Amino acid sequence: MNSTESTLFTSNTIIEAVTRQQYPAGTLYVVATPIGNIADISLRALHLLSLIDAVACEDTRNTAQLFSRYGINKPLIAAHQHNEREVAEKILTRLRAGERIALVSDAGTPGISDPGAKIVEVLKQSGVHVTPLPGASAAISALSASGLLHERFYFVGFLPAKAGQRDSMLHKLESTDATLIFYEAPHRITDTVQAMLTVFGGERQIVLARELTKLFEEIHRCALSDAPAWLSADSHREKGEYVILVDAKPVAESNDDSEARRVLSILLEECSVKQAAGLAAQLTGLKKNALYQLALEMKAAD
């Protein structure tokens, strides 16, 4: 089989898989759309969008522009954060009449820091079937390329715009045992990172993911203490939407650091602070920087 035949076989197999799927009438289809690169949409989503009767979308202008690039022309229903419950009732009437309706946001997955959750809630409570068509998500894309190793993550989304409310939420999140994921607008990125540095301290790792999947994509990882300098080094870094990931608080910084203290107390009898921290990191799996700070505190207390 040559490469052309192989490609044709693969394409036919994919088309068969897409078209074999059932798409019942009277169903709301929650469809993820690209977060930047328009190629990041599934073949299944494109097929479904050719079948539906109408599309509920965050901004009809943005969705019309996106769909035109795929050659899709469908009636659009404005469904933004200010009219979700009202639109949900209209969609419910149409679904009960046997239509298929798709729900999309401007980018990514509806309901994830985007409108859509209230519509889904109303329809689920009314007994309507809701089917997700998965795809792009800025949070998961950034997490997958972060290199942060914690098994759990906590999606925060956008922090409050007011500084006092923002700082209060950061303090509540400070001891969360998970990688923290935030969304942030470019005009607030510098203030937000500075607030994180103040609350979380400079030792934690931060990942700043900017313009994901787009031409000027940047994914930068550093200590929180170095993040303000990275942002200020290039004026373009205050442009474009951000995903921010902050590593979980090291276990050695938590209230229950008895095991770390036990190991360090033994090592400090024979080793320097730096050596003790390095060996303790290997023995406990905890982070060397946090163990180093703890060892310094223990040495000072002695």
C-alpha atoms as a PDB file:
ATOM      1  CA  MET A   1       0.000   0.000   0.000  1.00  0.00           C
ATOM      2  CA  ASN A   2       1.538   3.333  -1.043  1.00  0.00           C
ATOM      3  CA  SER A   3       1.281   6.575   0.956  1.00  0.00           C
ATOM      4  CA  THR A   4      -1.671   7.877  -1.095  1.00  0.00           C
ATOM      5  CA  GLU A   5      -3.642   4.681  -0.572  1.00  0.00           C
ATOM      6  CA  SER A   6      -2.728   4.671   3.117  1.00  0.00           C
ATOM      7  CA  THR A   7      -3.919   8.265   3.541  1.00  0.00           C
ATOM      8  CA  LEU A   8      -7.151   7.497   1.680  1.00  0.00           C
ATOM      9  CA  PHE A   9      -7.731   4.416   3.838  1.00  0.00           C
ATOM     10  CA  THR A  10      -7.143   6.419   7.006  1.00  0.00           C
ATOM     11  CA  SER A  11      -9.434   9.223   5.836  1.00  0.00           C
ATOM     12  CA  ASN A  12     -12.203   6.778   4.951  1.00  0.00           C
ATOM     13  CA  THR A  13     -11.855   5.108   8.345  1.00  0.00           C
ATOM     14  CA  ILE A  14     -12.166   8.440  10.133  1.00  0.00           C
ATOM     15  CA  ILE A  15     -15.151   9.513   8.042  1.00  0.00           C
ATOM     16  CA  GLU A  16     -16.846   6.210   8.761  1.00  0.00           C
ATOM     17  CA  ALA A  17     -16.253   6.664  12.506  1.00  0.00           C
ATOM     18  CA  VAL A  18     -17.655  10.200  12.401  1.00  0.00           C
ATOM     19  CA  THR A  19     -20.752   9.415  10.374  1.00  0.00           C
ATOM     20  CA  ARG A  20     -21.557   6.190  12.240  1.00  0.00           C
ATOM     21  CA  GLN A  21     -22.112   8.185  15.438  1.00  0.00           C
ATOM     22  CA  GLN A  22     -25.762   8.890  16.244  1.00  0.00           C
ATOM     23  CA  TYR A  23     -26.827  12.512  16.791  1.00  0.00           C
ATOM     24  CA  PRO A  24     -30.378  12.353  18.214  1.00  0.00           C
ATOM     25  CA  ALA A  25     -32.837  15.188  17.676  1.00  0.00           C
ATOM     26  CA  GLY A  26     -33.989  17.161  20.702  1.00  0.00           C
ATOM     27  CA  THR A  27     -30.428  17.261  22.052  1.00  0.00           C
ATOM     28  CA  LEU A  28     -28.132  20.111  23.069  1.00  0.00           C
ATOM     29  CA  TYR A  29     -24.588  19.550  21.804  1.00  0.00           C
ATOM     30  CA  VAL A  30     -21.847  21.332  23.767  1.00  0.00           C
ATOM     31  CA  VAL A  31     -19.078  21.869  21.218  1.00  0.00           C
ATOM     32  CA  ALA A  32     -15.527  22.982  21.962  1.00  0.00           C
ATOM     33  CA  THR A  33     -14.033  25.391  19.417  1.00  0.00           C
ATOM     34  CA  PRO A  34     -10.377  26.374  18.856  1.00  0.00           C
ATOM     35  CA  ILE A  35      -8.647  28.655  21.359  1.00  0.00           C
ATOM     36  CA  GLY A  36      -6.474  30.135  18.627  1.00  0.00           C
ATOM     37  CA  ASN A  37      -5.407  27.926  15.750  1.00  0.00           C
ATOM     38  CA  ILE A  38      -8.514  27.227  13.657  1.00  0.00           C
ATOM     39  CA  ALA A  39      -7.223  23.754  12.769  1.00  0.00           C
ATOM     40  CA  ASP A  40      -7.823  22.664  16.376  1.00  0.00           C
ATOM     41  CA  ILE A  41     -11.386  21.518  15.855  1.00  0.00           C
ATOM     42  CA  SER A  42     -12.414  17.878  15.641  1.00  0.00           C
ATOM     43  CA  LEU A  43     -13.832  16.227  12.535  1.00  0.00           C
ATOM     44  CA  ARG A  44     -16.720  15.068  14.693  1.00  0.00           C
ATOM     45  CA  ALA A  45     -17.497  18.668  15.680  1.00  0.00           C
ATOM     46  CA  LEU A  46     -17.461  19.794  12.048  1.00  0.00           C
ATOM     47  CA  HIS A  47     -19.791  16.955  11.078  1.00  0.00           C
ATOM     48  CA  LEU A  48     -22.183  17.729  13.922  1.00  0.00           C
ATOM     49  CA  LEU A  49     -22.229  21.432  13.052  1.00  0.00           C
ATOM     50  CA  SER A  50     -23.359  20.490   9.538  1.00  0.00           C
ATOM     51  CA  LEU A  51     -26.383  18.686  11.026  1.00  0.00           C
ATOM     52  CA  ILE A  52     -27.688  21.053  13.690  1.00  0.00           C
ATOM     53  CA  ASP A  53     -30.581  23.489  13.265  1.00  0.00           C
ATOM     54  CA  ALA A  54     -29.050  26.443  15.136  1.00  0.00           C
ATOM     55  CA  VAL A  55     -26.054  27.473  17.245  1.00  0.00           C
ATOM     56  CA  ALA A  56     -26.217  29.251  20.598  1.00  0.00           C
ATOM     57  CA  CYS A  57     -23.040  31.295  20.886  1.00  0.00           C
ATOM     58  CA  GLU A  58     -21.336  33.839  23.126  1.00  0.00           C
ATOM     59  CA  ASP A  59     -20.891  36.429  20.355  1.00  0.00           C
ATOM     60  CA  THR A  60     -22.679  35.978  17.036  1.00  0.00           C
ATOM     61  CA  ARG A  61     -20.072  38.053  15.172  1.00  0.00           C
ATOM     62  CA  ASN A  62     -17.125  35.969  16.369  1.00  0.00           C
ATOM     63  CA  THR A  63     -18.894  32.679  15.724  1.00  0.00           C
ATOM     64  CA  ALA A  64     -20.065  33.773  12.267  1.00  0.00           C
ATOM     65  CA  GLN A  65     -16.488  34.692  11.363  1.00  0.00           C
ATOM     66  CA  LEU A  66     -15.149  31.352  12.639  1.00  0.00           C
ATOM     67  CA  PHE A  67     -17.838  29.302  10.907  1.00  0.00           C
ATOM     68  CA  SER A  68     -17.287  31.106   7.611  1.00  0.00           C
ATOM     69  CA  ARG A  69     -13.733  29.754   7.572  1.00  0.00           C
ATOM     70  CA  TYR A  70     -15.130  26.228   7.775  1.00  0.00           C
ATOM     71  CA  GLY A  71     -17.842  26.928   5.200  1.00  0.00           C
ATOM     72  CA  ILE A  72     -20.600  26.553   7.808  1.00  0.00           C
ATOM     73  CA  ASN A  73     -23.712  28.728   7.645  1.00  0.00           C
ATOM     74  CA  LYS A  74     -26.228  28.173  10.457  1.00  0.00           C
ATOM     75  CA  PRO A  75     -28.705  30.394  12.332  1.00  0.00           C
ATOM     76  CA  LEU A  76     -27.023  31.920  15.381  1.00  0.00           C
ATOM     77  CA  ILE A  77     -28.590  32.588  18.792  1.00  0.00           C
ATOM     78  CA  ALA A  78     -26.837  35.101  21.080  1.00  0.00           C
ATOM     79  CA  ALA A  79     -26.265  33.394  24.443  1.00  0.00           C
ATOM     80  CA  HIS A  80     -24.012  35.511  26.650  1.00  0.00           C
ATOM     81  CA  GLN A  81     -23.600  35.874  30.408  1.00  0.00           C
ATOM     82  CA  HIS A  82     -26.417  38.427  30.686  1.00  0.00           C
ATOM     83  CA  ASN A  83     -29.186  36.398  29.025  1.00  0.00           C
ATOM     84  CA  GLU A  84     -28.355  32.720  29.637  1.00  0.00           C
ATOM     85  CA  ARG A  85     -31.479  31.757  31.574  1.00  0.00           C
ATOM     86  CA  GLU A  86     -33.788  33.582  29.158  1.00  0.00           C
ATOM     87  CA  VAL A  87     -32.118  31.941  26.152  1.00  0.00           C
ATOM     88  CA  ALA A  88     -32.193  28.540  27.876  1.00  0.00           C
ATOM     89  CA  GLU A  89     -36.003  28.633  27.852  1.00  0.00           C
ATOM     90  CA  LYS A  90     -36.062  29.467  24.130  1.00  0.00           C
ATOM     91  CA  ILE A  91     -33.611  26.661  23.383  1.00  0.00           C
ATOM     92  CA  LEU A  92     -35.699  24.278  25.497  1.00  0.00           C
ATOM     93  CA  THR A  93     -38.785  25.034  23.384  1.00  0.00           C
ATOM     94  CA  ARG A  94     -36.880  24.357  20.166  1.00  0.00           C
ATOM     95  CA  LEU A  95     -35.349  21.132  21.477  1.00  0.00           C
ATOM     96  CA  ARG A  96     -38.751  19.846  22.550  1.00  0.00           C
ATOM     97  CA  ALA A  97     -39.907  20.506  18.992  1.00  0.00           C
ATOM     98  CA  GLY A  98     -37.217  18.068  17.818  1.00  0.00           C
ATOM     99  CA  GLU A  99     -34.397  20.378  16.788  1.00  0.00           C
ATOM    100  CA  ARG A 100     -30.682  19.853  17.362  1.00  0.00           C
ATOM    101  CA  ILE A 101     -28.950  22.860  18.918  1.00  0.00           C
ATOM    102  CA  ALA A 102     -25.204  23.349  19.369  1.00  0.00           C
ATOM    103  CA  LEU A 103     -23.724  25.470  22.162  1.00  0.00           C
ATOM    104  CA  VAL A 104     -20.340  27.138  21.601  1.00  0.00           C
ATOM    105  CA  SER A 105     -18.323  29.930  23.214  1.00  0.00           C
ATOM    106  CA  ASP A 106     -15.921  32.326  21.509  1.00  0.00           C
ATOM    107  CA  ALA A 107     -13.026  29.932  22.147  1.00  0.00           C
ATOM    108  CA  GLY A 108     -12.490  26.676  23.986  1.00  0.00           C
ATOM    109  CA  THR A 109     -15.086  24.717  25.922  1.00  0.00           C
ATOM    110  CA  PRO A 110     -18.410  26.375  26.917  1.00  0.00           C
ATOM    111  CA  GLY A 111     -19.004  26.701  30.636  1.00  0.00           C
ATOM    112  CA  ILE A 112     -15.282  26.794  31.515  1.00  0.00           C
ATOM    113  CA  SER A 113     -14.901  30.466  32.493  1.00  0.00           C
ATOM    114  CA  ASP A 114     -17.213  31.130  29.541  1.00  0.00           C
ATOM    115  CA  PRO A 115     -21.016  31.322  29.253  1.00  0.00           C
ATOM    116  CA  GLY A 116     -22.926  28.078  28.915  1.00  0.00           C
ATOM    117  CA  ALA A 117     -23.139  26.480  32.359  1.00  0.00           C
ATOM    118  CA  LYS A 118     -26.489  28.084  33.210  1.00  0.00           C
ATOM    119  CA  ILE A 119     -27.997  26.962  29.911  1.00  0.00           C
ATOM    120  CA  VAL A 120     -26.862  23.400  30.503  1.00  0.00           C
ATOM    121  CA  GLU A 121     -28.213  23.515  34.080  1.00  0.00           C
ATOM    122  CA  VAL A 122     -31.694  24.593  32.965  1.00  0.00           C
ATOM    123  CA  LEU A 123     -31.858  21.992  30.219  1.00  0.00           C
ATOM    124  CA  LYS A 124     -30.587  19.166  32.435  1.00  0.00           C
ATOM    125  CA  GLN A 125     -33.175  20.029  35.079  1.00  0.00           C
ATOM    126  CA  SER A 126     -35.823  19.922  32.352  1.00  0.00           C
ATOM    127  CA  GLY A 127     -34.803  16.422  31.334  1.00  0.00           C
ATOM    128  CA  VAL A 128     -33.189  17.370  28.032  1.00  0.00           C
ATOM    129  CA  HIS A 129     -30.267  15.272  26.837  1.00  0.00           C
ATOM    130  CA  VAL A 130     -26.934  17.134  26.660  1.00  0.00           C
ATOM    131  CA  THR A 131     -23.994  15.686  24.714  1.00  0.00           C
ATOM    132  CA  PRO A 132     -20.421  17.071  24.904  1.00  0.00           C
ATOM    133  CA  LEU A 133     -18.091  17.148  21.903  1.00  0.00           C
ATOM    134  CA  PRO A 134     -14.679  17.629  23.551  1.00  0.00           C
ATOM    135  CA  GLY A 135     -11.865  19.691  22.163  1.00  0.00           C
ATOM    136  CA  ALA A 136      -9.597  22.617  22.945  1.00  0.00           C
ATOM    137  CA  SER A 137      -9.194  23.905  26.506  1.00  0.00           C
ATOM    138  CA  ALA A 138      -6.625  26.558  27.386  1.00  0.00           C
ATOM    139  CA  ALA A 139      -6.287  25.293  30.968  1.00  0.00           C
ATOM    140  CA  ILE A 140      -5.537  21.691  29.998  1.00  0.00           C
ATOM    141  CA  SER A 141      -3.280  22.735  27.116  1.00  0.00           C
ATOM    142  CA  ALA A 142      -1.152  24.846  29.452  1.00  0.00           C
ATOM    143  CA  LEU A 143      -1.081  22.151  32.132  1.00  0.00           C
ATOM    144  CA  SER A 144       0.067  19.509  29.654  1.00  0.00           C
ATOM    145  CA  ALA A 145       3.085  21.644  28.661  1.00  0.00           C
ATOM    146  CA  SER A 146       3.920  22.939  32.156  1.00  0.00           C
ATOM    147  CA  GLY A 147       6.048  20.099  33.499  1.00  0.00           C
ATOM    148  CA  LEU A 148       4.460  20.575  36.924  1.00  0.00           C
ATOM    149  CA  LEU A 149       4.265  17.178  38.563  1.00  0.00           C
ATOM    150  CA  HIS A 150       1.496  17.415  41.154  1.00  0.00           C
ATOM    151  CA  GLU A 151      -1.172  14.756  40.668  1.00  0.00           C
ATOM    152  CA  ARG A 152      -4.031  17.181  41.305  1.00  0.00           C
ATOM    153  CA  PHE A 153      -4.965  20.558  39.885  1.00  0.00           C
ATOM    154  CA  TYR A 154      -7.470  23.173  41.000  1.00  0.00           C
ATOM    155  CA  PHE A 155      -9.045  25.324  38.291  1.00  0.00           C
ATOM    156  CA  VAL A 156      -9.721  28.837  39.587  1.00  0.00           C
ATOM    157  CA  GLY A 157     -10.373  30.698  36.351  1.00  0.00           C
ATOM    158  CA  PHE A 158     -10.408  34.489  36.521  1.00  0.00           C
ATOM    159  CA  LEU A 159      -9.622  36.150  39.842  1.00  0.00           C
ATOM    160  CA  PRO A 160     -11.798  39.081  40.999  1.00  0.00           C
ATOM    161  CA  ALA A 161     -10.920  42.370  39.317  1.00  0.00           C
ATOM    162  CA  LYS A 162     -10.782  44.343  42.582  1.00  0.00           C
ATOM    163  CA  ALA A 163      -7.431  44.086  44.347  1.00  0.00           C
ATOM    164  CA  GLY A 164      -8.843  43.429  47.809  1.00  0.00           C
ATOM    165  CA  GLN A 165     -11.100  40.615  46.646  1.00  0.00           C
ATOM    166  CA  ARG A 166      -8.296  39.172  44.500  1.00  0.00           C
ATOM    167  CA  ASP A 167      -5.844  39.121  47.402  1.00  0.00           C
ATOM    168  CA  SER A 168      -8.428  37.588  49.722  1.00  0.00           C
ATOM    169  CA  MET A 169      -9.006  34.725  47.282  1.00  0.00           C
ATOM    170  CA  LEU A 170      -5.266  34.168  46.846  1.00  0.00           C
ATOM    171  CA  HIS A 171      -4.861  33.877  50.626  1.00  0.00           C
ATOM    172  CA  LYS A 172      -7.634  31.250  50.681  1.00  0.00           C
ATOM    173  CA  LEU A 173      -5.847  29.306  47.947  1.00  0.00           C
ATOM    174  CA  GLU A 174      -2.382  29.623  49.450  1.00  0.00           C
ATOM    175  CA  SER A 175      -2.353  26.206  51.143  1.00  0.00           C
ATOM    176  CA  THR A 176      -4.258  24.291  48.450  1.00  0.00           C
ATOM    177  CA  ASP A 177      -2.612  20.920  47.837  1.00  0.00           C
ATOM    178  CA  ALA A 178      -2.835  21.103  44.045  1.00  0.00           C
ATOM    179  CA  THR A 179      -1.466  22.965  41.051  1.00  0.00           C
ATOM    180  CA  LEU A 180      -3.491  26.175  40.747  1.00  0.00           C
ATOM    181  CA  ILE A 181      -4.749  27.225  37.307  1.00  0.00           C
ATOM    182  CA  PHE A 182      -5.850  30.785  36.583  1.00  0.00           C
ATOM    183  CA  TYR A 183      -6.963  32.764  33.545  1.00  0.00           C
ATOM    184  CA  GLU A 184      -5.926  36.399  33.289  1.00  0.00           C
ATOM    185  CA  ALA A 185      -6.372  39.324  30.911  1.00  0.00           C
ATOM    186  CA  PRO A 186      -3.224  41.058  29.583  1.00  0.00           C
ATOM    187  CA  HIS A 187      -3.917  44.403  31.231  1.00  0.00           C
ATOM    188  CA  ARG A 188      -4.003  42.739  34.670  1.00  0.00           C
ATOM    189  CA  ILE A 189      -1.201  40.212  34.296  1.00  0.00           C
ATOM    190  CA  THR A 190       1.545  42.273  35.978  1.00  0.00           C
ATOM    191  CA  ASP A 191      -0.557  43.198  39.030  1.00  0.00           C
ATOM    192  CA  THR A 192      -1.840  39.638  39.388  1.00  0.00           C
ATOM    193  CA  VAL A 193       1.630  38.075  39.292  1.00  0.00           C
ATOM    194  CA  GLN A 194       2.897  40.603  41.825  1.00  0.00           C
ATOM    195  CA  ALA A 195      -0.018  39.753  44.113  1.00  0.00           C
ATOM    196  CA  MET A 196       0.770  36.044  43.755  1.00  0.00           C
ATOM    197  CA  LEU A 197       4.399  36.718  44.647  1.00  0.00           C
ATOM    198  CA  THR A 198       3.322  38.596  47.775  1.00  0.00           C
ATOM    199  CA  VAL A 199       0.921  35.890  48.945  1.00  0.00           C
ATOM    200  CA  PHE A 200       2.614  32.679  47.783  1.00  0.00           C
ATOM    201  CA  GLY A 201       6.265  33.712  48.160  1.00  0.00           C
ATOM    202  CA  GLY A 202       9.037  33.567  45.604  1.00  0.00           C
ATOM    203  CA  GLU A 203      10.050  29.910  45.829  1.00  0.00           C
ATOM    204  CA  ARG A 204       7.100  28.335  44.072  1.00  0.00           C
ATOM    205  CA  GLN A 205       7.231  27.569  40.359  1.00  0.00           C
ATOM    206  CA  ILE A 206       4.938  29.528  38.064  1.00  0.00           C
ATOM    207  CA  VAL A 207       4.098  28.877  34.428  1.00  0.00           C
ATOM    208  CA  LEU A 208       2.992  31.800  32.276  1.00  0.00           C
ATOM    209  CA  ALA A 209       1.299  30.552  29.101  1.00  0.00           C
ATOM    210  CA  ARG A 210       0.491  33.317  26.654  1.00  0.00           C
ATOM    211  CA  GLU A 211      -1.339  33.258  23.305  1.00  0.00           C
ATOM    212  CA  LEU A 212      -1.695  29.473  23.335  1.00  0.00           C
ATOM    213  CA  THR A 213      -1.793  27.841  19.857  1.00  0.00           C
ATOM    214  CA  LYS A 214      -1.322  31.240  18.197  1.00  0.00           C
ATOM    215  CA  LEU A 215       1.601  32.686  16.240  1.00  0.00           C
ATOM    216  CA  PHE A 216       3.286  34.345  19.231  1.00  0.00           C
ATOM    217  CA  GLU A 217       2.690  31.575  21.768  1.00  0.00           C
ATOM    218  CA  GLU A 218       4.971  31.644  24.808  1.00  0.00           C
ATOM    219  CA  ILE A 219       5.100  29.183  27.695  1.00  0.00           C
ATOM    220  CA  HIS A 220       7.575  30.269  30.353  1.00  0.00           C
ATOM    221  CA  ARG A 221       8.333  28.522  33.638  1.00  0.00           C
ATOM    222  CA  CYS A 222      10.320  30.089  36.444  1.00  0.00           C
ATOM    223  CA  ALA A 223      10.342  30.777  40.173  1.00  0.00           C
ATOM    224  CA  LEU A 224       7.605  33.214  41.165  1.00  0.00           C
ATOM    225  CA  SER A 225      10.309  35.643  42.301  1.00  0.00           C
ATOM    226  CA  ASP A 226      11.574  35.856  38.691  1.00  0.00           C
ATOM    227  CA  ALA A 227       8.184  36.256  37.008  1.00  0.00           C
ATOM    228  CA  PRO A 228       7.826  40.085  37.260  1.00  0.00           C
ATOM    229  CA  ALA A 229      11.209  40.570  35.590  1.00  0.00           C
ATOM    230  CA  TRP A 230      10.271  38.189  32.764  1.00  0.00           C
ATOM    231  CA  LEU A 231       7.036  40.082  32.137  1.00  0.00           C
ATOM    232  CA  SER A 232       8.735  43.477  32.112  1.00  0.00           C
ATOM    233  CA  ALA A 233      11.569  42.338  29.823  1.00  0.00           C
ATOM    234  CA  ASP A 234       9.330  42.514  26.743  1.00  0.00           C
ATOM    235  CA  SER A 235       6.403  44.900  26.287  1.00  0.00           C
ATOM    236  CA  HIS A 236       4.663  42.343  24.063  1.00  0.00           C
ATOM    237  CA  ARG A 237       4.192  40.137  27.127  1.00  0.00           C
ATOM    238  CA  GLU A 238       1.459  42.469  28.326  1.00  0.00           C
ATOM    239  CA  LYS A 239      -0.597  41.489  25.284  1.00  0.00           C
ATOM    240  CA  GLY A 240      -2.655  38.351  24.754  1.00  0.00           C
ATOM    241  CA  GLU A 241      -4.681  36.176  27.117  1.00  0.00           C
ATOM    242  CA  TYR A 242      -2.801  34.240  29.802  1.00  0.00           C
ATOM    243  CA  VAL A 243      -3.116  30.927  31.545  1.00  0.00           C
ATOM    244  CA  ILE A 244      -1.186  31.008  34.831  1.00  0.00           C
ATOM    245  CA  LEU A 245      -0.208  27.860  36.692  1.00  0.00           C
ATOM    246  CA  VAL A 246       1.238  28.002  40.204  1.00  0.00           C
ATOM    247  CA  ASP A 247       2.818  24.912  41.706  1.00  0.00           C
ATOM    248  CA  ALA A 248       1.267  23.468  44.852  1.00  0.00           C
ATOM    249  CA  LYS A 249       2.581  24.548  48.224  1.00  0.00           C
ATOM    250  CA  PRO A 250       5.493  22.225  49.077  1.00  0.00           C
ATOM    251  CA  VAL A 251       4.653  19.678  51.732  1.00  0.00           C
ATOM    252  CA  ALA A 252       7.567  20.830  53.848  1.00  0.00           C
ATOM    253  CA  GLU A 253       5.876  24.248  54.128  1.00  0.00           C
ATOM    254  CA  SER A 254       2.634  22.812  55.447  1.00  0.00           C
ATOM    255  CA  ASN A 255       1.648  22.524  59.098  1.00  0.00           C
ATOM    256  CA  ASP A 256       2.510  18.814  59.097  1.00  0.00           C
ATOM    257  CA  ASP A 257       6.252  18.905  58.372  1.00  0.00           C
ATOM    258  CA  SER A 258       7.230  16.436  61.095  1.00  0.00           C
ATOM    259  CA  GLU A 259       8.752  13.897  58.702  1.00  0.00           C
ATOM    260  CA  ALA A 260      10.820  16.542  56.931  1.00  0.00           C
ATOM    261  CA  ARG A 261      12.055  17.855  60.283  1.00  0.00           C
ATOM    262  CA  ARG A 262      12.930  14.353  61.470  1.00  0.00           C
ATOM    263  CA  VAL A 263      15.022  13.610  58.377  1.00  0.00           C
ATOM    264  CA  LEU A 264      16.700  17.018  58.429  1.00  0.00           C
ATOM    265  CA  SER A 265      17.541  16.797  62.119  1.00  0.00           C
ATOM    266  CA  ILE A 266      19.504  13.600  61.469  1.00  0.00           C
ATOM    267  CA  LEU A 267      21.265  14.931  58.385  1.00  0.00           C
ATOM    268  CA  LEU A 268      22.165  18.296  59.936  1.00  0.00           C
ATOM    269  CA  GLU A 269      24.268  16.518  62.543  1.00  0.00           C
ATOM    270  CA  GLU A 270      26.732  15.490  59.828  1.00  0.00           C
ATOM    271  CA  CYS A 271      26.016  17.729  56.806  1.00  0.00           C
ATOM    272  CA  SER A 272      25.829  21.371  55.831  1.00  0.00           C
ATOM    273  CA  VAL A 273      22.402  22.947  55.330  1.00  0.00           C
ATOM    274  CA  LYS A 274      22.737  22.688  51.549  1.00  0.00           C
ATOM    275  CA  GLN A 275      23.832  19.045  51.653  1.00  0.00           C
ATOM    276  CA  ALA A 276      21.121  18.135  54.174  1.00  0.00           C
ATOM    277  CA  ALA A 277      18.434  19.734  52.006  1.00  0.00           C
ATOM    278  CA  GLY A 278      19.639  17.906  48.899  1.00  0.00           C
ATOM    279  CA  LEU A 279      19.755  14.514  50.618  1.00  0.00           C
ATOM    280  CA  ALA A 280      16.413  15.098  52.327  1.00  0.00           C
ATOM    281  CA  ALA A 281      14.847  15.906  48.953  1.00  0.00           C
ATOM    282  CA  GLN A 282      16.053  12.554  47.599  1.00  0.00           C
ATOM    283  CA  LEU A 283      14.804  10.674  50.661  1.00  0.00           C
ATOM    284  CA  THR A 284      11.393  12.317  51.036  1.00  0.00           C
ATOM    285  CA  GLY A 285      10.492  13.416  47.525  1.00  0.00           C
ATOM    286  CA  LEU A 286       9.899  16.952  48.817  1.00  0.00           C
ATOM    287  CA  LYS A 287      11.214  20.052  47.109  1.00  0.00           C
ATOM    288  CA  LYS A 288      14.813  20.996  47.788  1.00  0.00           C
ATOM    289  CA  ASN A 289      14.167  24.747  48.073  1.00  0.00           C
ATOM    290  CA  ALA A 290      11.485  24.275  50.712  1.00  0.00           C
ATOM    291  CA  LEU A 291      13.672  21.819  52.639  1.00  0.00           C
ATOM    292  CA  TYR A 292      16.573  24.254  52.466  1.00  0.00           C
ATOM    293  CA  GLN A 293      14.452  27.016  54.032  1.00  0.00           C
ATOM    294  CA  LEU A 294      13.230  24.623  56.710  1.00  0.00           C
ATOM    295  CA  ALA A 295      16.801  23.508  57.442  1.00  0.00           C
ATOM    296  CA  LEU A 296      17.882  27.131  57.831  1.00  0.00           C
ATOM    297  CA  GLU A 297      15.062  27.712  60.316  1.00  0.00           C
ATOM    298  CA  MET A 298      16.008  24.592  62.287  1.00  0.00           C
ATOM    299  CA  LYS A 299      19.687  25.582  62.309  1.00  0.00           C
ATOM    300  CA  ALA A 300      18.824  29.068  63.536  1.00  0.00           C
ATOM    301  CA  ALA A 301      16.589  27.668  66.272  1.00  0.00           C
ATOM    302  CA  ASP A 302      19.473  25.506  67.532  1.00  0.00           C
END
